[in-house]
Amino acid sequence: MTNQKGYIISGIQQVGIGVSNMREAWKWYKNQFGTDIRIFEDEAVAGLMLPYTDGKPRKRLAALAINMQGGGGFEIWQYKDRTPQPPSFQPQPGDLGIFAVKIKTHNVEDLYKLYIAQGHTVSIPKKSPAGSDNFFITDPYGNPFQIVEGNSWFKNESKLTGAAYGVILGVSDIDKSIAFYSDILGYDEVVYDQTGTFPDLSHLEGGDGKFRRVLLKHKEKRHGAFSPIFGDSQLELLQAFDRQPSTIYKDRLWGDLGFIHLCFDINGMSSLREKCAMKGHPFTVDSSTSFDMGEAAGHFSYIEDPDRTLIEFVETHRVPILKKIGWYLNLQKRDPRKSLPRWVLKSLAFNRVKDL
C-alpha cells in the first residue's frame, strides 16, 4: 500500500510476544508454527521505550523469527532485569488490545487433527462469519492463536502453517477503529460486519457474549522489499456490548507477558510521521535514525491506536542473509516499491535454526 503522502506499508513484519523464557517460547513457536528462520537475536538495553517501561531503560533479550512459507514473524521478547508480569485478570474477547494472533494454514482440518494427535488442547473447528472453518490453540503461556485459512504463500516447505496472518483486536468504539486502521494502515475493505453471538468464539471465556465483529483486509497489494514473504493480512475488530471491557495491558509494562505490539514493515518514515500526526496519532516513540538490533538495523517508531494498543513501524535498513560470510543486505538505496528478487528472499533460509 502506497499512501499519497509517500509512505509504503509492506505488510505485518511481526507481532511482539512478551515471554519469561525466550528460548523455551521460541522452541514452542518453531515446532507449532514453523518460525525457524532467525532474522536477528540481540541482548541489549531498551532505552527508547521509556513511555512504556516506567521511565527506565530495561535490559532485554529479543529474537525475530519468521516462517519461510509466509506471514509476519514473531518478535519474542524477554526482560533480563525484572520479572515480566501477567495480566491481573483472564483476558476475554473484546478486552482492549491484541487478544489473539491469526495463524494461516493450508488446511484447517488437517492441522486440527495433527494438534489433537500431538496432545494439544484446541477448540473444535467452527465456521467464522465468512463461512470458513477456524479453531483456537493456546500456547503454554496462555496466549490464544486462531488458526484460519490463508492465502499468499511464499514458499512450499511442506509445513501446514505460515506465521502471523493478522490479529484479533478488542476495541471500545469499532467505527473509530475502522477509520484508524483504514486511513493509516490501508485496511480499507470490510469482509464482514456482524453483531450478535458467534459459535466460533463461544468456547473462550467470555466468548459467548454479544459482540460487533468486523474483519478488515487491504484492497491493494502490498509493495516493498519483503512484501512477498509477509503476504496479505487481516485485522479483526471486536467490540463487546454486554460488559465493560478491561485493558489487557492496564498497569503493566511493554514487554510484560502477552502480545505487546503489532509491527508493520514500512518505507517513508517521515511521510508516515506526518500522516499519523495529522490523524491525531503522533509518534510516541521514534528512534530518529538507524537503530542497531545486532545483526539487523532500522528506524523504528510507535503510535497508539484509539484504545492505546501499540502499533510499531520499522523501516528496515540492514538485514542478514548469510552471516557466516558477512552477507548483509543494505536496503536504503533500493527502489522502496520493488520487492527483493525471490532468490534473495529464499536465501534467508540460510539462517534456519535447527536447535534451541
Protein backbone atom coordinates (compact mmCIF):
# COMPACT_ATOMS: atom_id res chain seq x y z
CA MET A 1 0.00 0.00 0.00
CA THR A 2 1.42 3.39 -1.03
CA ASN A 3 -0.10 6.47 0.55
CA GLN A 4 -0.44 9.71 -1.38
CA LYS A 5 1.96 11.20 1.16
CA GLY A 6 4.66 8.79 0.04
CA TYR A 7 4.97 6.03 2.61
CA ILE A 8 4.75 2.33 1.81
CA ILE A 9 3.42 -0.41 4.08
CA SER A 10 4.89 -3.77 3.06
CA GLY A 11 2.90 -5.90 5.49
CA ILE A 12 2.87 -7.21 9.03
CA GLN A 13 6.53 -7.69 9.91
CA GLN A 14 5.90 -9.27 13.31
CA VAL A 15 3.81 -9.48 16.43
CA GLY A 16 5.71 -8.84 19.65
CA ILE A 17 5.26 -11.50 22.33
CA GLY A 18 6.46 -10.91 25.87
CA VAL A 19 7.68 -14.14 27.49
CA SER A 20 9.60 -15.22 30.59
CA ASN A 21 11.99 -17.54 28.69
CA MET A 22 12.77 -16.57 25.11
CA ARG A 23 14.36 -19.83 24.01
CA GLU A 24 11.70 -22.02 25.56
CA ALA A 25 8.96 -19.97 23.91
CA TRP A 26 10.73 -19.80 20.55
CA LYS A 27 11.09 -23.60 20.52
CA TRP A 28 7.32 -23.98 21.00
CA TYR A 29 6.52 -21.46 18.24
CA LYS A 30 9.08 -23.11 15.95
CA ASN A 31 7.55 -26.55 16.48
CA GLN A 32 3.91 -25.46 16.15
CA PHE A 33 4.05 -22.55 13.69
CA GLY A 34 7.28 -23.15 11.77
CA THR A 35 9.05 -19.92 12.78
CA ASP A 36 12.55 -21.35 12.37
CA ILE A 37 14.35 -18.54 10.50
CA ARG A 38 16.37 -16.21 12.75
CA ILE A 39 16.41 -12.65 11.39
CA PHE A 40 18.10 -11.31 14.50
CA GLU A 41 18.83 -12.24 18.08
CA ASP A 42 20.05 -9.48 20.34
CA GLU A 43 20.63 -8.82 24.05
CA ALA A 44 20.79 -5.13 24.88
CA VAL A 45 19.13 -2.29 26.78
CA ALA A 46 15.79 -1.00 25.52
CA GLY A 47 16.41 2.67 26.18
CA LEU A 48 13.93 4.34 23.85
CA MET A 49 10.67 2.81 25.09
CA LEU A 50 10.60 4.90 28.27
CA PRO A 51 6.93 5.94 27.91
CA TYR A 52 6.03 2.24 28.22
CA THR A 53 8.76 0.92 30.56
CA ASP A 54 8.02 3.06 33.62
CA GLY A 55 10.54 5.67 32.52
CA LYS A 56 13.51 3.33 32.90
CA PRO A 57 15.84 1.69 30.35
CA ARG A 58 15.32 -2.07 30.52
CA LYS A 59 17.66 -4.95 29.75
CA ARG A 60 16.11 -7.39 27.34
CA LEU A 61 16.76 -10.39 25.11
CA ALA A 62 14.85 -10.44 21.83
CA ALA A 63 14.73 -12.52 18.67
CA LEU A 64 12.82 -12.08 15.42
CA ALA A 65 11.76 -15.37 13.86
CA ILE A 66 9.86 -15.92 10.61
CA ASN A 67 8.39 -18.81 8.62
CA MET A 68 9.63 -19.07 5.02
CA GLN A 69 6.21 -20.19 3.85
CA GLY A 70 4.96 -16.68 4.57
CA GLY A 71 3.27 -14.35 7.00
CA GLY A 72 4.54 -11.98 9.64
CA GLY A 73 7.01 -13.22 12.21
CA PHE A 74 7.26 -13.12 15.98
CA GLU A 75 9.48 -10.80 17.99
CA ILE A 76 9.99 -12.93 21.06
CA TRP A 77 10.89 -10.59 23.90
CA GLN A 78 12.23 -11.35 27.39
CA TYR A 79 13.11 -8.98 30.23
CA LYS A 80 16.54 -9.62 31.75
CA ASP A 81 16.35 -7.25 34.73
CA ARG A 82 12.80 -7.76 36.03
CA THR A 83 10.17 -10.46 36.26
CA PRO A 84 7.60 -9.92 33.49
CA GLN A 85 4.08 -9.58 34.81
CA PRO A 86 0.95 -11.37 33.59
CA PRO A 87 -2.39 -9.56 33.37
CA SER A 88 -4.24 -9.37 36.68
CA PHE A 89 -7.29 -10.98 35.04
CA GLN A 90 -8.05 -13.54 32.33
CA PRO A 91 -8.32 -11.56 29.06
CA GLN A 92 -11.55 -12.17 27.18
CA PRO A 93 -12.62 -11.42 23.60
CA GLY A 94 -13.36 -7.72 23.37
CA ASP A 95 -10.88 -6.69 26.07
CA LEU A 96 -8.84 -3.79 24.76
CA GLY A 97 -5.63 -4.73 22.98
CA ILE A 98 -4.34 -7.67 20.98
CA PHE A 99 -6.38 -10.66 22.12
CA ALA A 100 -5.15 -13.30 19.65
CA VAL A 101 -2.85 -13.79 16.67
CA LYS A 102 -4.22 -15.28 13.46
CA ILE A 103 -2.07 -18.10 12.04
CA LYS A 104 -2.68 -19.09 8.43
CA THR A 105 -2.80 -22.69 7.32
CA HIS A 106 -3.23 -24.61 4.08
CA ASN A 107 -5.75 -26.96 5.67
CA VAL A 108 -7.63 -26.24 8.89
CA GLU A 109 -8.91 -29.80 9.35
CA ASP A 110 -5.52 -31.44 8.81
CA LEU A 111 -3.82 -29.10 11.27
CA TYR A 112 -6.57 -29.67 13.83
CA LYS A 113 -6.04 -33.45 13.57
CA LEU A 114 -2.28 -33.03 13.90
CA TYR A 115 -2.57 -30.89 17.04
CA ILE A 116 -5.00 -33.39 18.57
CA ALA A 117 -2.60 -36.25 17.80
CA GLN A 118 0.22 -34.29 19.45
CA GLY A 119 -1.85 -33.85 22.60
CA HIS A 120 -2.56 -30.12 22.34
CA THR A 121 -5.75 -28.63 23.73
CA VAL A 122 -7.60 -26.98 20.89
CA SER A 123 -11.16 -25.84 20.22
CA ILE A 124 -13.39 -27.70 17.78
CA PRO A 125 -13.28 -26.10 14.31
CA LYS A 126 -16.32 -23.92 13.65
CA LYS A 127 -17.42 -21.52 10.94
CA SER A 128 -16.46 -17.86 11.06
CA PRO A 129 -18.92 -15.21 9.86
CA ALA A 130 -17.17 -15.54 6.47
CA GLY A 131 -18.14 -19.22 6.34
CA SER A 132 -14.65 -20.70 6.71
CA ASP A 133 -13.52 -23.09 9.45
CA ASN A 134 -11.25 -21.87 12.24
CA PHE A 135 -10.16 -23.01 15.68
CA PHE A 136 -8.03 -21.79 18.59
CA ILE A 137 -4.89 -23.18 20.18
CA THR A 138 -3.33 -21.65 23.30
CA ASP A 139 0.43 -21.58 23.82
CA PRO A 140 1.91 -22.77 27.15
CA TYR A 141 1.81 -19.18 28.42
CA GLY A 142 -1.91 -18.58 27.94
CA ASN A 143 -1.75 -16.68 24.64
CA PRO A 144 -4.50 -17.63 22.15
CA PHE A 145 -3.83 -18.20 18.46
CA GLN A 146 -6.63 -18.52 15.92
CA ILE A 147 -5.98 -20.96 13.07
CA VAL A 148 -7.54 -19.72 9.83
CA GLU A 149 -7.43 -20.49 6.13
CA GLY A 150 -4.72 -18.43 4.48
CA ASN A 151 -3.51 -17.37 1.06
CA SER A 152 -0.48 -15.60 -0.48
CA TRP A 153 2.05 -18.29 0.33
CA PHE A 154 5.71 -17.54 -0.43
CA LYS A 155 7.47 -20.90 -0.43
CA ASN A 156 6.35 -24.51 -0.04
CA GLU A 157 8.31 -26.20 2.75
CA SER A 158 5.69 -28.90 3.44
CA LYS A 159 4.59 -27.20 6.64
CA LEU A 160 0.90 -26.91 7.48
CA THR A 161 1.17 -23.30 8.65
CA GLY A 162 2.59 -19.96 7.75
CA ALA A 163 3.04 -17.47 10.56
CA ALA A 164 1.09 -14.34 11.52
CA TYR A 165 -1.80 -13.59 9.17
CA GLY A 166 -3.22 -10.86 11.39
CA VAL A 167 -4.61 -10.29 14.86
CA ILE A 168 -7.88 -10.04 16.77
CA LEU A 169 -8.13 -6.66 18.48
CA GLY A 170 -10.50 -5.64 21.24
CA VAL A 171 -11.77 -2.09 20.73
CA SER A 172 -14.13 0.28 22.54
CA ASP A 173 -15.53 2.13 19.51
CA ILE A 174 -15.40 -0.04 16.41
CA ASP A 175 -16.22 2.73 13.92
CA LYS A 176 -13.38 4.86 15.24
CA SER A 177 -11.03 1.86 14.99
CA ILE A 178 -12.14 1.05 11.45
CA ALA A 179 -11.23 4.61 10.44
CA PHE A 180 -7.82 4.34 12.13
CA TYR A 181 -6.83 1.02 10.55
CA SER A 182 -8.19 2.04 7.16
CA ASP A 183 -6.79 5.58 6.93
CA ILE A 184 -3.30 4.93 8.28
CA LEU A 185 -2.68 1.24 7.62
CA GLY A 186 -4.70 0.62 4.47
CA TYR A 187 -7.16 -1.99 5.76
CA ASP A 188 -9.87 -0.50 3.61
CA GLU A 189 -12.11 -3.46 2.74
CA VAL A 190 -14.73 -4.90 5.08
CA VAL A 191 -15.03 -8.69 4.72
CA TYR A 192 -17.88 -8.86 7.22
CA ASP A 193 -19.54 -6.64 9.81
CA GLN A 194 -21.88 -8.58 12.08
CA THR A 195 -23.38 -8.11 15.52
CA GLY A 196 -24.56 -10.98 17.71
CA THR A 197 -23.17 -14.12 19.32
CA PHE A 198 -20.71 -16.31 17.48
CA PRO A 199 -20.26 -20.09 17.80
CA ASP A 200 -16.55 -19.98 16.96
CA LEU A 201 -15.89 -17.72 19.97
CA SER A 202 -18.24 -19.44 22.41
CA HIS A 203 -15.65 -21.83 23.92
CA LEU A 204 -13.47 -18.87 25.01
CA GLU A 205 -14.01 -17.40 28.46
CA GLY A 206 -16.41 -14.53 27.85
CA GLY A 207 -16.74 -15.54 24.22
CA ASP A 208 -20.47 -16.31 24.46
CA GLY A 209 -21.36 -12.63 24.85
CA LYS A 210 -22.73 -10.17 22.32
CA PHE A 211 -20.17 -8.55 20.02
CA ARG A 212 -19.89 -6.44 16.96
CA ARG A 213 -17.32 -8.19 14.85
CA VAL A 214 -15.60 -6.65 11.80
CA LEU A 215 -12.97 -8.31 9.62
CA LEU A 216 -10.79 -5.96 7.56
CA LYS A 217 -8.38 -6.63 4.72
CA HIS A 218 -6.49 -4.41 2.26
CA LYS A 219 -7.70 -3.99 -1.32
CA GLU A 220 -4.32 -3.01 -2.69
CA LYS A 221 -1.47 -5.49 -2.93
CA ARG A 222 1.40 -4.63 -0.60
CA HIS A 223 4.72 -3.45 -2.04
CA GLY A 224 8.25 -3.33 -0.69
CA ALA A 225 11.37 -5.43 -0.22
CA PHE A 226 9.85 -8.22 1.88
CA SER A 227 6.21 -8.00 0.78
CA PRO A 228 6.21 -11.43 -0.95
CA ILE A 229 7.06 -13.10 2.37
CA PHE A 230 4.71 -11.03 4.53
CA GLY A 231 1.86 -11.52 2.06
CA ASP A 232 -1.74 -10.46 2.61
CA SER A 233 -3.09 -9.92 6.11
CA GLN A 234 -6.32 -9.30 8.00
CA LEU A 235 -7.34 -7.49 11.16
CA GLU A 236 -10.42 -8.47 13.15
CA LEU A 237 -12.04 -5.93 15.48
CA LEU A 238 -14.25 -6.99 18.39
CA GLN A 239 -16.43 -4.68 20.44
CA ALA A 240 -18.17 -6.18 23.48
CA PHE A 241 -21.72 -4.98 24.18
CA ASP A 242 -22.81 -6.79 27.34
CA ARG A 243 -19.85 -5.98 29.59
CA GLN A 244 -17.31 -3.24 30.22
CA PRO A 245 -14.05 -4.39 28.63
CA SER A 246 -10.76 -4.25 30.51
CA THR A 247 -7.45 -3.09 29.04
CA ILE A 248 -5.18 -6.12 28.62
CA TYR A 249 -2.00 -4.14 29.46
CA LYS A 250 -3.50 -1.98 32.18
CA ASP A 251 -0.90 -1.24 34.91
CA ARG A 252 1.73 -3.32 33.10
CA LEU A 253 4.80 -2.52 31.01
CA TRP A 254 5.56 -3.05 27.36
CA GLY A 255 7.42 -6.36 27.28
CA ASP A 256 5.33 -7.95 30.02
CA LEU A 257 3.68 -11.28 29.26
CA GLY A 258 1.41 -11.40 26.23
CA PHE A 259 1.06 -9.72 22.84
CA ILE A 260 2.93 -6.45 23.26
CA HIS A 261 2.59 -4.80 19.84
CA LEU A 262 1.66 -5.20 16.19
CA CYS A 263 4.54 -4.22 13.87
CA PHE A 264 4.43 -3.16 10.22
CA ASP A 265 7.36 -3.07 7.80
CA ILE A 266 7.31 0.35 6.12
CA ASN A 267 9.27 2.76 3.95
CA GLY A 268 9.00 6.55 4.16
CA MET A 269 9.05 7.17 7.90
CA SER A 270 8.96 10.97 7.65
CA SER A 271 5.83 10.89 5.47
CA LEU A 272 4.22 8.40 7.82
CA ARG A 273 5.09 10.61 10.81
CA GLU A 274 3.25 13.50 9.16
CA LYS A 275 0.20 11.36 8.34
CA CYS A 276 -0.07 9.94 11.85
CA ALA A 277 0.19 13.39 13.43
CA MET A 278 -2.43 14.76 11.05
CA LYS A 279 -4.80 11.93 12.02
CA GLY A 280 -4.31 12.58 15.73
CA HIS A 281 -1.98 9.66 16.43
CA PRO A 282 1.52 11.19 16.73
CA PHE A 283 4.60 9.08 17.22
CA THR A 284 5.08 8.34 20.91
CA VAL A 285 8.48 6.70 20.34
CA ASP A 286 10.85 7.47 17.48
CA SER A 287 14.39 6.13 17.13
CA SER A 288 15.03 9.08 14.73
CA THR A 289 17.87 7.37 12.89
CA SER A 290 19.05 3.84 12.22
CA PHE A 291 18.86 1.65 15.32
CA ASP A 292 21.13 -1.39 15.67
CA MET A 293 19.48 -4.70 16.57
CA GLY A 294 22.62 -6.82 16.47
CA GLU A 295 22.54 -8.46 13.04
CA ALA A 296 19.81 -6.14 11.72
CA ALA A 297 19.25 -2.39 11.76
CA GLY A 298 16.46 0.03 11.01
CA HIS A 299 14.43 3.07 12.02
CA PHE A 300 11.50 2.30 14.31
CA SER A 301 8.62 4.23 15.79
CA TYR A 302 5.39 3.64 17.71
CA ILE A 303 1.89 5.06 17.73
CA GLU A 304 -1.19 4.15 19.73
CA ASP A 305 -4.50 3.09 18.22
CA PRO A 306 -7.69 4.68 19.62
CA ASP A 307 -7.54 2.28 22.62
CA ARG A 308 -3.78 2.76 23.17
CA THR A 309 -2.82 -0.58 21.64
CA LEU A 310 0.77 -0.21 20.45
CA ILE A 311 1.46 -0.19 16.71
CA GLU A 312 5.12 -0.32 15.69
CA PHE A 313 6.62 0.75 12.37
CA VAL A 314 10.03 -0.47 11.21
CA GLU A 315 11.90 0.89 8.22
CA THR A 316 14.48 -1.82 7.64
CA HIS A 317 17.97 -0.60 6.72
CA ARG A 318 20.09 -3.74 7.06
CA VAL A 319 19.22 -7.42 7.28
CA PRO A 320 21.48 -10.51 7.43
CA ILE A 321 21.27 -13.00 4.58
CA LEU A 322 24.27 -15.23 5.29
CA LYS A 323 26.07 -14.10 8.42
CA LYS A 324 28.86 -16.69 8.18
CA ILE A 325 30.34 -14.96 5.14
CA GLY A 326 29.26 -11.44 6.12
CA TRP A 327 26.43 -11.12 3.57
CA TYR A 328 24.24 -8.31 4.88
CA LEU A 329 21.74 -6.56 2.67
CA ASN A 330 21.59 -2.74 2.70
CA LEU A 331 18.09 -1.65 1.69
CA GLN A 332 18.49 2.12 1.87
CA LYS A 333 19.49 2.63 -1.78
CA ARG A 334 16.84 0.40 -3.37
CA ASP A 335 13.58 1.38 -5.04
CA PRO A 336 11.28 1.06 -1.99
CA ARG A 337 8.32 -0.18 -4.04
CA LYS A 338 10.17 -3.15 -5.53
CA SER A 339 10.36 -6.48 -3.76
CA LEU A 340 13.70 -8.19 -3.44
CA PRO A 341 14.36 -10.95 -6.00
CA ARG A 342 12.83 -14.22 -4.89
CA TRP A 343 16.25 -15.93 -4.86
CA VAL A 344 17.48 -13.34 -2.35
CA LEU A 345 14.40 -13.76 -0.16
CA LYS A 346 14.76 -17.54 -0.31
CA SER A 347 18.38 -17.12 0.83
CA LEU A 348 17.05 -16.12 4.25
CA ALA A 349 16.66 -19.88 4.73
CA PHE A 350 20.44 -19.95 5.40
CA ASN A 351 19.51 -18.53 8.83
CA ARG A 352 17.36 -21.52 9.72
CA VAL A 353 17.55 -22.59 13.36
CA LYS A 354 17.61 -26.35 13.96
CA ASP A 355 18.07 -26.47 17.72
CA LEU A 356 17.20 -24.04 20.51
